[in-house]
Each structure stands twice: as C-alpha cells, then as structure tokens.
Amino acid sequence: MSIKQYISETKSEMKHVSWPTRKQTIVYTTLVIVVSIVVALYVSGLDTIFTGLFKSLILR
C-alpha cells in the first residue's frame, strides 16, 4: 500500500465519522473533568485513611 493510497483511504473514512457537536464536546469534556476530580478526591481520601491506619496500628 502506498502512502498516497493510505492518505486517500483515510480521507474517505473520515467522511463517515459522526463528529460530536460543539455542545456535546463541551458537555463530555466537563463530565470527564468532574469525574476525574471526584475520583482524585476519593483516592486521596482513601490514601489519608489508610495512612492514618498504618501510622496508628503498625507504627505504635
């Protein structure tokens, strides 16, 4: 397969892609950021709890 053929087929396939609207992109991006923050806070909370347990139980 030549590079020209590859680029031609890629352009052809890109015409079949269903691109999200601007509003959908903003909503999905916001959702990803919010979920990432929530997960980070959850993991941070677990880390704090387990660090406290480790210090109180093992490092007496």
PDB file of N, CA and C in Angstrom:
ATOM      1  N   MET A   1       0.855  -1.177   0.000  1.00  0.00           N
ATOM      2  CA  MET A   1       0.000   0.000   0.000  1.00  0.00           C
ATOM      3  C   MET A   1       0.895   1.233   0.000  1.00  0.00           C
ATOM      4  N   SER A   2       0.637   2.119  -0.911  1.00  0.00           N
ATOM      5  CA  SER A   2       1.433   3.337  -0.998  1.00  0.00           C
ATOM      6  C   SER A   2       0.906   4.385  -0.018  1.00  0.00           C
ATOM      7  N   ILE A   3       1.742   5.352   0.222  1.00  0.00           N
ATOM      8  CA  ILE A   3       1.358   6.425   1.141  1.00  0.00           C
ATOM      9  C   ILE A   3       0.183   7.216   0.558  1.00  0.00           C
ATOM     10  N   LYS A   4       0.206   7.462  -0.739  1.00  0.00           N
ATOM     11  CA  LYS A   4      -0.901   8.188  -1.379  1.00  0.00           C
ATOM     12  C   LYS A   4      -2.222   7.447  -1.196  1.00  0.00           C
ATOM     13  N   GLN A   5      -2.194   6.152  -1.392  1.00  0.00           N
ATOM     14  CA  GLN A   5      -3.405   5.344  -1.260  1.00  0.00           C
ATOM     15  C   GLN A   5      -3.883   5.360   0.197  1.00  0.00           C
ATOM     16  N   TYR A   6      -2.946   5.261   1.128  1.00  0.00           N
ATOM     17  CA  TYR A   6      -3.291   5.277   2.545  1.00  0.00           C
ATOM     18  C   TYR A   6      -3.987   6.595   2.915  1.00  0.00           C
ATOM     19  N   ILE A   7      -3.413   7.711   2.475  1.00  0.00           N
ATOM     20  CA  ILE A   7      -3.990   9.026   2.782  1.00  0.00           C
ATOM     21  C   ILE A   7      -5.364   9.163   2.128  1.00  0.00           C
ATOM     22  N   SER A   8      -5.492   8.701   0.913  1.00  0.00           N
ATOM     23  CA  SER A   8      -6.779   8.758   0.206  1.00  0.00           C
ATOM     24  C   SER A   8      -7.848   7.953   0.942  1.00  0.00           C
ATOM     25  N   GLU A   9      -7.502   6.749   1.378  1.00  0.00           N
ATOM     26  CA  GLU A   9      -8.464   5.912   2.099  1.00  0.00           C
ATOM     27  C   GLU A   9      -8.802   6.513   3.467  1.00  0.00           C
ATOM     28  N   THR A  10      -7.820   7.120   4.088  1.00  0.00           N
ATOM     29  CA  THR A  10      -8.059   7.751   5.386  1.00  0.00           C
ATOM     30  C   THR A  10      -9.036   8.911   5.231  1.00  0.00           C
ATOM     31  N   LYS A  11      -8.833   9.749   4.217  1.00  0.00           N
ATOM     32  CA  LYS A  11      -9.757  10.858   3.969  1.00  0.00           C
ATOM     33  C   LYS A  11     -11.166  10.338   3.706  1.00  0.00           C
ATOM     34  N   SER A  12     -11.257   9.268   2.960  1.00  0.00           N
ATOM     35  CA  SER A  12     -12.555   8.674   2.650  1.00  0.00           C
ATOM     36  C   SER A  12     -13.256   8.185   3.917  1.00  0.00           C
ATOM     37  N   GLU A  13     -12.514   7.545   4.782  1.00  0.00           N
ATOM     38  CA  GLU A  13     -13.096   7.030   6.027  1.00  0.00           C
ATOM     39  C   GLU A  13     -13.497   8.160   6.970  1.00  0.00           C
ATOM     40  N   MET A  14     -12.733   9.244   6.967  1.00  0.00           N
ATOM     41  CA  MET A  14     -13.039  10.365   7.854  1.00  0.00           C
ATOM     42  C   MET A  14     -14.378  11.015   7.500  1.00  0.00           C
ATOM     43  N   LYS A  15     -14.816  10.862   6.271  1.00  0.00           N
ATOM     44  CA  LYS A  15     -16.116  11.408   5.867  1.00  0.00           C
ATOM     45  C   LYS A  15     -17.269  10.623   6.494  1.00  0.00           C
ATOM     46  N   HIS A  16     -17.006   9.403   6.923  1.00  0.00           N
ATOM     47  CA  HIS A  16     -18.041   8.553   7.517  1.00  0.00           C
ATOM     48  C   HIS A  16     -18.138   8.722   9.036  1.00  0.00           C
ATOM     49  N   VAL A  17     -17.210   9.445   9.606  1.00  0.00           N
ATOM     50  CA  VAL A  17     -17.177   9.633  11.056  1.00  0.00           C
ATOM     51  C   VAL A  17     -18.304  10.571  11.472  1.00  0.00           C
ATOM     52  N   SER A  18     -18.982  10.210  12.556  1.00  0.00           N
ATOM     53  CA  SER A  18     -20.037  11.056  13.107  1.00  0.00           C
ATOM     54  C   SER A  18     -19.404  11.929  14.202  1.00  0.00           C
ATOM     55  N   TRP A  19     -19.090  13.173  13.860  1.00  0.00           N
ATOM     56  CA  TRP A  19     -18.416  14.062  14.794  1.00  0.00           C
ATOM     57  C   TRP A  19     -19.421  14.648  15.780  1.00  0.00           C
ATOM     58  N   PRO A  20     -19.022  14.807  17.051  1.00  0.00           N
ATOM     59  CA  PRO A  20     -19.937  15.414  18.027  1.00  0.00           C
ATOM     60  C   PRO A  20     -20.094  16.916  17.759  1.00  0.00           C
ATOM     61  N   THR A  21     -21.221  17.438  18.209  1.00  0.00           N
ATOM     62  CA  THR A  21     -21.437  18.880  18.074  1.00  0.00           C
ATOM     63  C   THR A  21     -20.583  19.607  19.108  1.00  0.00           C
ATOM     64  N   ARG A  22     -20.497  20.920  18.958  1.00  0.00           N
ATOM     65  CA  ARG A  22     -19.726  21.725  19.914  1.00  0.00           C
ATOM     66  C   ARG A  22     -20.298  21.563  21.329  1.00  0.00           C
ATOM     67  N   LYS A  23     -21.630  21.572  21.432  1.00  0.00           N
ATOM     68  CA  LYS A  23     -22.282  21.434  22.742  1.00  0.00           C
ATOM     69  C   LYS A  23     -21.963  20.068  23.364  1.00  0.00           C
ATOM     70  N   GLN A  24     -22.026  19.005  22.581  1.00  0.00           N
ATOM     71  CA  GLN A  24     -21.704  17.668  23.088  1.00  0.00           C
ATOM     72  C   GLN A  24     -20.257  17.604  23.556  1.00  0.00           C
ATOM     73  N   THR A  25     -19.358  18.217  22.798  1.00  0.00           N
ATOM     74  CA  THR A  25     -17.946  18.216  23.173  1.00  0.00           C
ATOM     75  C   THR A  25     -17.736  18.914  24.506  1.00  0.00           C
ATOM     76  N   ILE A  26     -18.398  20.048  24.695  1.00  0.00           N
ATOM     77  CA  ILE A  26     -18.274  20.789  25.959  1.00  0.00           C
ATOM     78  C   ILE A  26     -18.839  19.971  27.109  1.00  0.00           C
ATOM     79  N   VAL A  27     -19.997  19.344  26.905  1.00  0.00           N
ATOM     80  CA  VAL A  27     -20.627  18.537  27.957  1.00  0.00           C
ATOM     81  C   VAL A  27     -19.737  17.350  28.316  1.00  0.00           C
ATOM     82  N   TYR A  28     -19.233  16.645  27.312  1.00  0.00           N
ATOM     83  CA  TYR A  28     -18.402  15.469  27.573  1.00  0.00           C
ATOM     84  C   TYR A  28     -17.081  15.854  28.244  1.00  0.00           C
ATOM     85  N   THR A  29     -16.496  16.960  27.817  1.00  0.00           N
ATOM     86  CA  THR A  29     -15.250  17.420  28.427  1.00  0.00           C
ATOM     87  C   THR A  29     -15.475  17.794  29.888  1.00  0.00           C
ATOM     88  N   THR A  30     -16.566  18.503  30.150  1.00  0.00           N
ATOM     89  CA  THR A  30     -16.899  18.874  31.530  1.00  0.00           C
ATOM     90  C   THR A  30     -17.128  17.626  32.375  1.00  0.00           C
ATOM     91  N   LEU A  31     -17.822  16.660  31.828  1.00  0.00           N
ATOM     92  CA  LEU A  31     -18.084  15.415  32.544  1.00  0.00           C
ATOM     93  C   LEU A  31     -16.783  14.688  32.893  1.00  0.00           C
ATOM     94  N   VAL A  32     -15.869  14.631  31.950  1.00  0.00           N
ATOM     95  CA  VAL A  32     -14.582  13.969  32.197  1.00  0.00           C
ATOM     96  C   VAL A  32     -13.808  14.687  33.295  1.00  0.00           C
ATOM     97  N   ILE A  33     -13.805  16.014  33.263  1.00  0.00           N
ATOM     98  CA  ILE A  33     -13.089  16.780  34.288  1.00  0.00           C
ATOM     99  C   ILE A  33     -13.714  16.558  35.660  1.00  0.00           C
ATOM    100  N   VAL A  34     -15.047  16.607  35.749  1.00  0.00           N
ATOM    101  CA  VAL A  34     -15.731  16.423  37.035  1.00  0.00           C
ATOM    102  C   VAL A  34     -15.490  15.016  37.584  1.00  0.00           C
ATOM    103  N   VAL A  35     -15.625  14.007  36.742  1.00  0.00           N
ATOM    104  CA  VAL A  35     -15.402  12.627  37.191  1.00  0.00           C
ATOM    105  C   VAL A  35     -13.950  12.446  37.630  1.00  0.00           C
ATOM    106  N   SER A  36     -13.021  13.041  36.915  1.00  0.00           N
ATOM    107  CA  SER A  36     -11.605  12.943  37.289  1.00  0.00           C
ATOM    108  C   SER A  36     -11.350  13.563  38.658  1.00  0.00           C
ATOM    109  N   ILE A  37     -11.976  14.712  38.922  1.00  0.00           N
ATOM    110  CA  ILE A  37     -11.815  15.370  40.221  1.00  0.00           C
ATOM    111  C   ILE A  37     -12.424  14.519  41.324  1.00  0.00           C
ATOM    112  N   VAL A  38     -13.606  13.964  41.082  1.00  0.00           N
ATOM    113  CA  VAL A  38     -14.270  13.118  42.082  1.00  0.00           C
ATOM    114  C   VAL A  38     -13.416  11.887  42.394  1.00  0.00           C
ATOM    115  N   VAL A  39     -12.893  11.248  41.371  1.00  0.00           N
ATOM    116  CA  VAL A  39     -12.050  10.059  41.582  1.00  0.00           C
ATOM    117  C   VAL A  39     -10.779  10.445  42.330  1.00  0.00           C
ATOM    118  N   ALA A  40     -10.177  11.577  41.983  1.00  0.00           N
ATOM    119  CA  ALA A  40      -8.969  12.031  42.673  1.00  0.00           C
ATOM    120  C   ALA A  40      -9.245  12.289  44.153  1.00  0.00           C
ATOM    121  N   LEU A  41     -10.379  12.912  44.458  1.00  0.00           N
ATOM    122  CA  LEU A  41     -10.744  13.158  45.852  1.00  0.00           C
ATOM    123  C   LEU A  41     -10.998  11.852  46.592  1.00  0.00           C
ATOM    124  N   TYR A  42     -11.649  10.909  45.943  1.00  0.00           N
ATOM    125  CA  TYR A  42     -11.925   9.600  46.544  1.00  0.00           C
ATOM    126  C   TYR A  42     -10.620   8.864  46.868  1.00  0.00           C
ATOM    127  N   VAL A  43      -9.724   8.825  45.904  1.00  0.00           N
ATOM    128  CA  VAL A  43      -8.441   8.137  46.109  1.00  0.00           C
ATOM    129  C   VAL A  43      -7.620   8.859  47.176  1.00  0.00           C
ATOM    130  N   SER A  44      -7.662  10.176  47.166  1.00  0.00           N
ATOM    131  CA  SER A  44      -6.952  10.946  48.183  1.00  0.00           C
ATOM    132  C   SER A  44      -7.510  10.653  49.579  1.00  0.00           C
ATOM    133  N   GLY A  45      -8.830  10.569  49.674  1.00  0.00           N
ATOM    134  CA  GLY A  45      -9.455  10.237  50.957  1.00  0.00           C
ATOM    135  C   GLY A  45      -9.056   8.853  51.440  1.00  0.00           C
ATOM    136  N   LEU A  46      -9.069   7.885  50.537  1.00  0.00           N
ATOM    137  CA  LEU A  46      -8.634   6.532  50.915  1.00  0.00           C
ATOM    138  C   LEU A  46      -7.176   6.531  51.350  1.00  0.00           C
ATOM    139  N   ASP A  47      -6.348   7.276  50.646  1.00  0.00           N
ATOM    140  CA  ASP A  47      -4.932   7.356  50.998  1.00  0.00           C
ATOM    141  C   ASP A  47      -4.756   7.933  52.396  1.00  0.00           C
ATOM    142  N   THR A  48      -5.512   8.972  52.692  1.00  0.00           N
ATOM    143  CA  THR A  48      -5.435   9.591  54.017  1.00  0.00           C
ATOM    144  C   THR A  48      -5.884   8.609  55.104  1.00  0.00           C
ATOM    145  N   ILE A  49      -6.980   7.895  54.856  1.00  0.00           N
ATOM    146  CA  ILE A  49      -7.489   6.927  55.831  1.00  0.00           C
ATOM    147  C   ILE A  49      -6.475   5.808  56.056  1.00  0.00           C
ATOM    148  N   PHE A  50      -5.964   5.229  54.977  1.00  0.00           N
ATOM    149  CA  PHE A  50      -5.030   4.114  55.133  1.00  0.00           C
ATOM    150  C   PHE A  50      -3.695   4.558  55.720  1.00  0.00           C
ATOM    151  N   THR A  51      -3.272   5.775  55.439  1.00  0.00           N
ATOM    152  CA  THR A  51      -2.049   6.296  56.050  1.00  0.00           C
ATOM    153  C   THR A  51      -2.247   6.437  57.553  1.00  0.00           C
ATOM    154  N   GLY A  52      -3.407   6.959  57.947  1.00  0.00           N
ATOM    155  CA  GLY A  52      -3.705   7.092  59.375  1.00  0.00           C
ATOM    156  C   GLY A  52      -3.775   5.740  60.060  1.00  0.00           C
ATOM    157  N   LEU A  53      -4.420   4.752  59.417  1.00  0.00           N
ATOM    158  CA  LEU A  53      -4.481   3.407  59.996  1.00  0.00           C
ATOM    159  C   LEU A  53      -3.092   2.796  60.107  1.00  0.00           C
ATOM    160  N   PHE A  54      -2.301   2.969  59.071  1.00  0.00           N
ATOM    161  CA  PHE A  54      -0.942   2.431  59.077  1.00  0.00           C
ATOM    162  C   PHE A  54      -0.131   3.040  60.220  1.00  0.00           C
ATOM    163  N   LYS A  55      -0.219   4.338  60.377  1.00  0.00           N
ATOM    164  CA  LYS A  55       0.530   5.005  61.435  1.00  0.00           C
ATOM    165  C   LYS A  55       0.047   4.573  62.822  1.00  0.00           C
ATOM    166  N   SER A  56      -1.276   4.416  63.002  1.00  0.00           N
ATOM    167  CA  SER A  56      -1.804   4.096  64.320  1.00  0.00           C
ATOM    168  C   SER A  56      -1.651   2.617  64.682  1.00  0.00           C
ATOM    169  N   LEU A  57      -1.718   1.730  63.713  1.00  0.00           N
ATOM    170  CA  LEU A  57      -1.660   0.299  64.008  1.00  0.00           C
ATOM    171  C   LEU A  57      -0.252  -0.287  63.927  1.00  0.00           C
ATOM    172  N   ILE A  58       0.514   0.120  62.983  1.00  0.00           N
ATOM    173  CA  ILE A  58       1.805  -0.511  62.751  1.00  0.00           C
ATOM    174  C   ILE A  58       2.959   0.263  63.380  1.00  0.00           C
ATOM    175  N   LEU A  59       2.870   1.553  63.394  1.00  0.00           N
ATOM    176  CA  LEU A  59       3.984   2.357  63.881  1.00  0.00           C
ATOM    177  C   LEU A  59       3.767   2.822  65.321  1.00  0.00           C
ATOM    178  N   ARG A  60       3.191   1.995  66.142  1.00  0.00           N
ATOM    179  CA  ARG A  60       2.945   2.384  67.555  1.00  0.00           C
ATOM    180  C   ARG A  60       4.213   2.604  68.293  1.00  0.00           C
TER     181      ARG A  60
END
